[in-house]
Amino acid sequence: MSTTQTAITEAAQPYPLTELGRESMVRDSEPSPEQQLPESEAVDREPSTPFLKLIVAGYSFFCAGVSDGTYMRNYSIFYPYGTTFAGWLLAAVTNPILTAQLTLGQLLLIGAVLQLIAQALRPWSPLAVFCASFLFQSLGMAYQDAHSNTFVSNLKNVPHRWLSFIHACYALGTFIGPLIATAIANSPNSLAIDGWKRVYFVLLGVSVLNIAGVILAFRDTLYGRLHAENEHHDNKRNRLALIAMAKLLKSRKLWLLSLFYFFELGATFTAGGWVVEFLTTVRGGKLSNVGYIPTGFYGGLLAGRLLLPEPTFRFGEQRMILVYSAACAALQLIFWLQPSIIGSAIALSFIGFFSGPFFATGMSVASKLFPRESQPAALGFIFVLAQAGGAIFPSITGLIATSAGVAVLQPIVLVLFIVGGVIWWLVPKVPSRDE
C-alpha cells in the first residue's frame, strides 16, 4: 500500500503540494480574491491537525484498499495487471505537469473522479472495457493517493503518526473488502443481478462518497487556479516542471527509494495474491479451507501499520526497516519450507505484520531526503513506481507459474524481499533528530 519527524528544521515549514514554479507565476498575475492567495499562506493557516482532511485522505486509501482487496482476493476473478501498470506509468509521466498546473484540491478531485469512472464501467462492461477500467482506476489512485501522501507528510504535528493512519486505512480496506465482497456475492439474489456485479455497485457507492469527501474537506483549494493565465505563462510553468523532473531523475536516492518500494511492494502483493493458488495446488489444501488465508495476511498488514509506527520512529526508521525486511525474508523461508497449511497461514500473517510499516516509513524518510520544493514530484514518482511494482510482479509470477508451476512463487517472493532489503541498506542515511 511511516514515520516522519515533527521538527525537521526550525526553519522548515510545510511545503504546498503545487508550489513548483509558483513564485514567478504569482508575481506575474494580478491580485485576486481570497481564493487566489498563494498556497504557502493557505498552508500556514492550516491547523496543526486538520482532522477532516486527514479523514478524507485516509478514506481515499481505504477506497484503494477495498478495490485492490476485492479484485486480488481470488484469482478466479480476472485482474488485468497490464492496464493497471499502464495507468501507474501514465501517472508518473503526467504528474509533474499536473502538479505545476493544478491545486491540491483539484488534483485530489481528478483522482477521485477517475476512480468513480472505473467503477461505473464495470457492472455491465465487456472484457475489453473491464480491462480498460483498471487504467482509469490506477491513474486516479496515483493522483489522489500520491498527493494525499505528500500533504500528510508536510503536516506540522506528528506527521509520522498520520502517515501511518492513512496507510492503515488502505490495509483496513484490503482486510474488509474481500469479506464484504464475498458476502454480497454469495447472498440470496433478489435483484436478478449476478453476485459479483452487485459487488461493483457497492464499490461505486464507495467511490461517490470519496468524491464528496474531497469536495467537502479540500474545498479551500478547489478553485485557486481556475482563473487561467496566458499561454506563455502556462508553457513556462510546464517547461520548468519538466526541467525540475529531469534533474530529479538524475538523483541516486530517488531511484534507490523507488526501487525499494518496487521490490518490497511487489513481494507483498505477490505473497498475498497468489497464496490461495499455491496452497491448493502445491499443498493440496481445499479452497473452502484456505480461501480466507489472505485475510490473515491483510489483517497482519493492518496490525503492523497500527502498532509498529511508533517503535519504528523511536528506534530509527532506517534501522527498523532493515530488521523488518530480514524478518519478512525469514518468515518467507518458513512459509516455503515447512509443509503445514496452518503454519503457512501463521507465517503469512506475520509477513503482513512486519511489512506493514514499509510504505509509510519509506515516505517519511523520503520527505527528509528531498528539499521541500522537490517533494511533490519526488514522493509522487516514488509512490507511482511502488504501485507499478505491486502490479507487475504478480503478473510476472503468473507468467512463470504457467510453465514452471506455482511452486516458483516462494523463491520469487523470497528474492524480492532480499533485494528490497539490500536496496534499503544503500539508501542514504538521514540525520537522527529529536521530536
Foldseek 3Di string as FASTA:
>chain_A
DAFFDLPLDPPDAQFFLQCQPVPVVVVPDDDDPPLQPPVVVVSVPDPLCLPLLLVLLLLLLLLVLLVVLQQLLDVVRPDQLVLLLVLLVVLLVCVLLCSNQAHLLQLQLQLLVLLLVLLVQPLDHPPVSVNNSSSSNNNSSLRNNLSSLSNLLRRNPRSLLSLLSSLLSSLVSSQCSNVVLVCQQPDDDPPPGHRNSVSSVVSSVSSVVSNVSSCVSVVSRHCNNVPDDDPVSSVVSSVSSVVLLVVVVVDPLLVLLLLLLLLLLLLLLQCLRCVLVCCCPPLVDDCVVCSCLSSLLSVLLSQLSNPVSVVCLVVDVLVLLLVLLVLLLVLLVQLLPDRDPVSVSVSSNPNSNSSNHVPHHSSNVVVSVDDSNCNSSSSSSSVSSSVSSSSVNNVVLVVVCVPPNNSVSSVSSSVSSVVSSVSSVVNDDDDDDDD
